[in-house]
C-alpha atoms as a PDB file:
ATOM      1  CA  MET A   1      90.624 105.767 107.440  1.00  0.00           C
ATOM      2  CA  VAL A   2      92.831 107.535 104.879  1.00  0.00           C
ATOM      3  CA  PRO A   3      93.286 110.721 106.974  1.00  0.00           C
ATOM      4  CA  TYR A   4      94.405 108.489 109.869  1.00  0.00           C
ATOM      5  CA  ILE A   5      96.920 106.739 107.615  1.00  0.00           C
ATOM      6  CA  ARG A   6      98.198 110.142 106.451  1.00  0.00           C
ATOM      7  CA  GLU A   7      98.668 111.225 110.059  1.00  0.00           C
ATOM      8  CA  ARG A   8     100.630 108.058 110.864  1.00  0.00           C
ATOM      9  CA  PHE A   9     102.850 108.387 107.777  1.00  0.00           C
ATOM     10  CA  ASN A  10     103.555 112.039 108.539  1.00  0.00           C
ATOM     11  CA  LYS A  11     104.465 111.209 112.162  1.00  0.00           C
ATOM     12  CA  ALA A  12     106.893 108.586 110.874  1.00  0.00           C
ATOM     13  CA  GLY A  13     108.559 111.212 108.693  1.00  0.00           C
ATOM     14  CA  TRP A  14     106.967 110.145 105.405  1.00  0.00           C
ATOM     15  CA  LYS A  15     105.196 113.108 103.862  1.00  0.00           C
ATOM     16  CA  MET A  16     101.778 112.180 102.541  1.00  0.00           C
ATOM     17  CA  ASP A  17      99.170 114.443 100.988  1.00  0.00           C
ATOM     18  CA  LEU A  18      95.493 113.623 100.714  1.00  0.00           C
ATOM     19  CA  PHE A  19      93.769 114.889  97.590  1.00  0.00           C
ATOM     20  CA  SER A  20      90.133 114.544  96.549  1.00  0.00           C
ATOM     21  CA  LEU A  21      87.549 116.223  94.367  1.00  0.00           C
ATOM     22  CA  PRO A  22      85.152 118.379  96.409  1.00  0.00           C
ATOM     23  CA  LYS A  23      81.510 118.592  95.319  1.00  0.00           C
ATOM     24  CA  ARG A  24      81.861 122.335  94.714  1.00  0.00           C
ATOM     25  CA  VAL A  25      84.241 121.548  91.835  1.00  0.00           C
ATOM     26  CA  ARG A  26      81.686 119.549  89.823  1.00  0.00           C
ATOM     27  CA  GLY A  27      81.231 120.877  86.305  1.00  0.00           C
ATOM     28  CA  LYS A  28      84.348 123.067  86.265  1.00  0.00           C
ATOM     29  CA  GLY A  29      86.459 121.063  83.817  1.00  0.00           C
ATOM     30  CA  HIS A  30      85.887 121.738  80.122  1.00  0.00           C
ATOM     31  CA  GLU A  31      88.817 120.269  78.203  1.00  0.00           C
ATOM     32  CA  GLU A  32      88.375 117.733  75.447  1.00  0.00           C
ATOM     33  CA  ILE A  33      89.253 114.215  76.535  1.00  0.00           C
ATOM     34  CA  ALA A  34      90.918 111.692  74.229  1.00  0.00           C
ATOM     35  CA  PHE A  35      92.046 108.199  75.148  1.00  0.00           C
ATOM     36  CA  GLU A  36      94.820 106.269  73.436  1.00  0.00           C
ATOM     37  CA  THR A  37      93.014 102.931  73.664  1.00  0.00           C
ATOM     38  CA  PHE A  38      89.474 103.726  72.450  1.00  0.00           C
ATOM     39  CA  ASP A  39      87.218 106.436  71.064  1.00  0.00           C
ATOM     40  CA  ALA A  40      85.072 107.787  73.897  1.00  0.00           C
ATOM     41  CA  ALA A  41      82.938 109.763  71.424  1.00  0.00           C
ATOM     42  CA  ALA A  42      81.143 106.532  70.572  1.00  0.00           C
ATOM     43  CA  PHE A  43      79.699 106.555  74.115  1.00  0.00           C
ATOM     44  CA  ALA A  44      78.709 110.241  74.266  1.00  0.00           C
ATOM     45  CA  GLY A  45      75.145 110.957  75.258  1.00  0.00           C
ATOM     46  CA  ASP A  46      74.845 108.114  77.748  1.00  0.00           C
ATOM     47  CA  PRO A  47      74.149 109.793  81.124  1.00  0.00           C
ATOM     48  CA  VAL A  48      76.451 107.486  83.080  1.00  0.00           C
ATOM     49  CA  VAL A  49      79.300 107.879  80.581  1.00  0.00           C
ATOM     50  CA  ASP A  50      78.783 111.635  80.395  1.00  0.00           C
ATOM     51  CA  LYS A  51      79.012 111.855  84.196  1.00  0.00           C
ATOM     52  CA  TYR A  52      82.264 109.844  84.202  1.00  0.00           C
ATOM     53  CA  MET A  53      83.731 112.034  81.466  1.00  0.00           C
ATOM     54  CA  GLN A  54      82.759 115.210  83.326  1.00  0.00           C
ATOM     55  CA  THR A  55      84.256 113.856  86.544  1.00  0.00           C
ATOM     56  CA  PHE A  56      87.480 113.129  84.639  1.00  0.00           C
ATOM     57  CA  ARG A  57      87.516 116.707  83.274  1.00  0.00           C
ATOM     58  CA  ASP A  58      86.870 118.040  86.774  1.00  0.00           C
ATOM     59  CA  TYR A  59      89.705 115.972  88.254  1.00  0.00           C
ATOM     60  CA  LEU A  60      92.123 117.239  85.613  1.00  0.00           C
ATOM     61  CA  TRP A  61      91.047 120.855  86.165  1.00  0.00           C
ATOM     62  CA  TRP A  62      91.206 120.615  89.987  1.00  0.00           C
ATOM     63  CA  THR A  63      94.513 118.750  90.021  1.00  0.00           C
ATOM     64  CA  ARG A  64      96.212 121.296  87.753  1.00  0.00           C
ATOM     65  CA  LEU A  65      94.887 124.078  89.971  1.00  0.00           C
ATOM     66  CA  ARG A  66      95.848 122.533  93.323  1.00  0.00           C
ATOM     67  CA  ILE A  67      98.952 120.383  92.887  1.00  0.00           C
ATOM     68  CA  GLN A  68     102.163 122.230  92.085  1.00  0.00           C
ATOM     69  CA  GLN A  69     104.725 119.615  93.106  1.00  0.00           C
ATOM     70  CA  ASN A  70     105.926 116.147  92.183  1.00  0.00           C
ATOM     71  CA  TYR A  71     105.548 112.973  94.201  1.00  0.00           C
ATOM     72  CA  ASP A  72     107.575 109.789  94.608  1.00  0.00           C
ATOM     73  CA  LEU A  73     104.408 107.672  94.423  1.00  0.00           C
ATOM     74  CA  ILE A  74     100.714 108.277  93.814  1.00  0.00           C
ATOM     75  CA  HIS A  75      98.087 105.953  95.275  1.00  0.00           C
ATOM     76  CA  ALA A  76      94.565 106.392  93.875  1.00  0.00           C
ATOM     77  CA  HIS A  77      91.352 104.835  95.153  1.00  0.00           C
ATOM     78  CA  HIS A  78      89.235 105.334  92.036  1.00  0.00           C
ATOM     79  CA  PRO A  79      89.896 104.709  88.337  1.00  0.00           C
ATOM     80  CA  ILE A  80      89.103 108.326  87.366  1.00  0.00           C
ATOM     81  CA  ALA A  81      91.507 109.684  89.970  1.00  0.00           C
ATOM     82  CA  ALA A  82      94.128 107.227  88.715  1.00  0.00           C
ATOM     83  CA  LEU A  83      93.608 108.246  85.065  1.00  0.00           C
ATOM     84  CA  SER A  84      93.871 111.910  85.989  1.00  0.00           C
ATOM     85  CA  MET A  85      97.026 111.516  88.032  1.00  0.00           C
ATOM     86  CA  LYS A  86      98.717 109.333  85.423  1.00  0.00           C
ATOM     87  CA  ARG A  87      97.868 111.826  82.691  1.00  0.00           C
ATOM     88  CA  LEU A  88      99.266 114.753  84.698  1.00  0.00           C
ATOM     89  CA  PHE A  89     102.209 112.897  86.296  1.00  0.00           C
ATOM     90  CA  PRO A  90     103.171 110.300  83.649  1.00  0.00           C
ATOM     91  CA  ASP A  91     106.610 109.592  85.123  1.00  0.00           C
ATOM     92  CA  THR A  92     105.403 109.013  88.696  1.00  0.00           C
ATOM     93  CA  PRO A  93     104.680 105.430  89.767  1.00  0.00           C
ATOM     94  CA  LEU A  94     100.957 104.936  90.380  1.00  0.00           C
ATOM     95  CA  ALA A  95      99.224 102.356  92.564  1.00  0.00           C
ATOM     96  CA  VAL A  96      95.449 101.936  92.365  1.00  0.00           C
ATOM     97  CA  THR A  97      93.150 100.300  94.902  1.00  0.00           C
ATOM     98  CA  ILE A  98      89.748  99.466  93.431  1.00  0.00           C
ATOM     99  CA  HIS A  99      87.295  98.983  96.290  1.00  0.00           C
ATOM    100  CA  SER A 100      84.378  97.608  94.289  1.00  0.00           C
ATOM    101  CA  SER A 101      83.075  97.018  90.812  1.00  0.00           C
ATOM    102  CA  TYR A 102      81.047 100.174  90.310  1.00  0.00           C
ATOM    103  CA  GLU A 103      79.625  99.029  86.990  1.00  0.00           C
ATOM    104  CA  ARG A 104      78.478  95.782  88.651  1.00  0.00           C
ATOM    105  CA  GLU A 105      76.693  97.856  91.314  1.00  0.00           C
ATOM    106  CA  LEU A 106      75.023  99.918  88.581  1.00  0.00           C
ATOM    107  CA  ILE A 107      73.822  96.735  86.869  1.00  0.00           C
ATOM    108  CA  LEU A 108      72.504  95.256  90.128  1.00  0.00           C
ATOM    109  CA  ASN A 109      70.705  98.522  90.957  1.00  0.00           C
ATOM    110  CA  GLY A 110      69.121  98.724  87.497  1.00  0.00           C
ATOM    111  CA  LYS A 111      70.948 101.945  86.522  1.00  0.00           C
ATOM    112  CA  ILE A 112      72.620 100.342  83.481  1.00  0.00           C
ATOM    113  CA  ARG A 113      72.186  97.071  81.607  1.00  0.00           C
ATOM    114  CA  GLU A 114      74.874  94.520  81.028  1.00  0.00           C
ATOM    115  CA  GLY A 115      76.429  95.080  77.613  1.00  0.00           C
ATOM    116  CA  ASP A 116      74.972  98.557  77.045  1.00  0.00           C
ATOM    117  CA  ALA A 117      77.114 101.604  76.217  1.00  0.00           C
ATOM    118  CA  ALA A 118      77.780 102.580  79.862  1.00  0.00           C
ATOM    119  CA  HIS A 119      78.789  99.020  80.749  1.00  0.00           C
ATOM    120  CA  ARG A 120      81.142  98.719  77.762  1.00  0.00           C
ATOM    121  CA  PHE A 121      82.637 102.127  78.572  1.00  0.00           C
END
């Protein structure tokens, strides 16, 4: 759907880029991550949290490597993508569309428990 929307915007004269994290990029980011609102170190070691943190590092690494321009607006479809873009483009307006409650899916599928470290994270 999103590539179709991009095509329609571009035909209308509104430049739109589509950016995502390819699987081949997994594990490339290595920078330390700090949040202003909480200490993520308290959640380290939880496999779900560790995967989220690595994905965040990978997004930051890939974005710095691939995007060399500014945008009028950024629209993200995942919280990690949104965090990455806002960190790298703090002055650009950001819209986020959350398609589902991923942590709720993890609870329903028995991957995490309600109230555990991954859920609180």
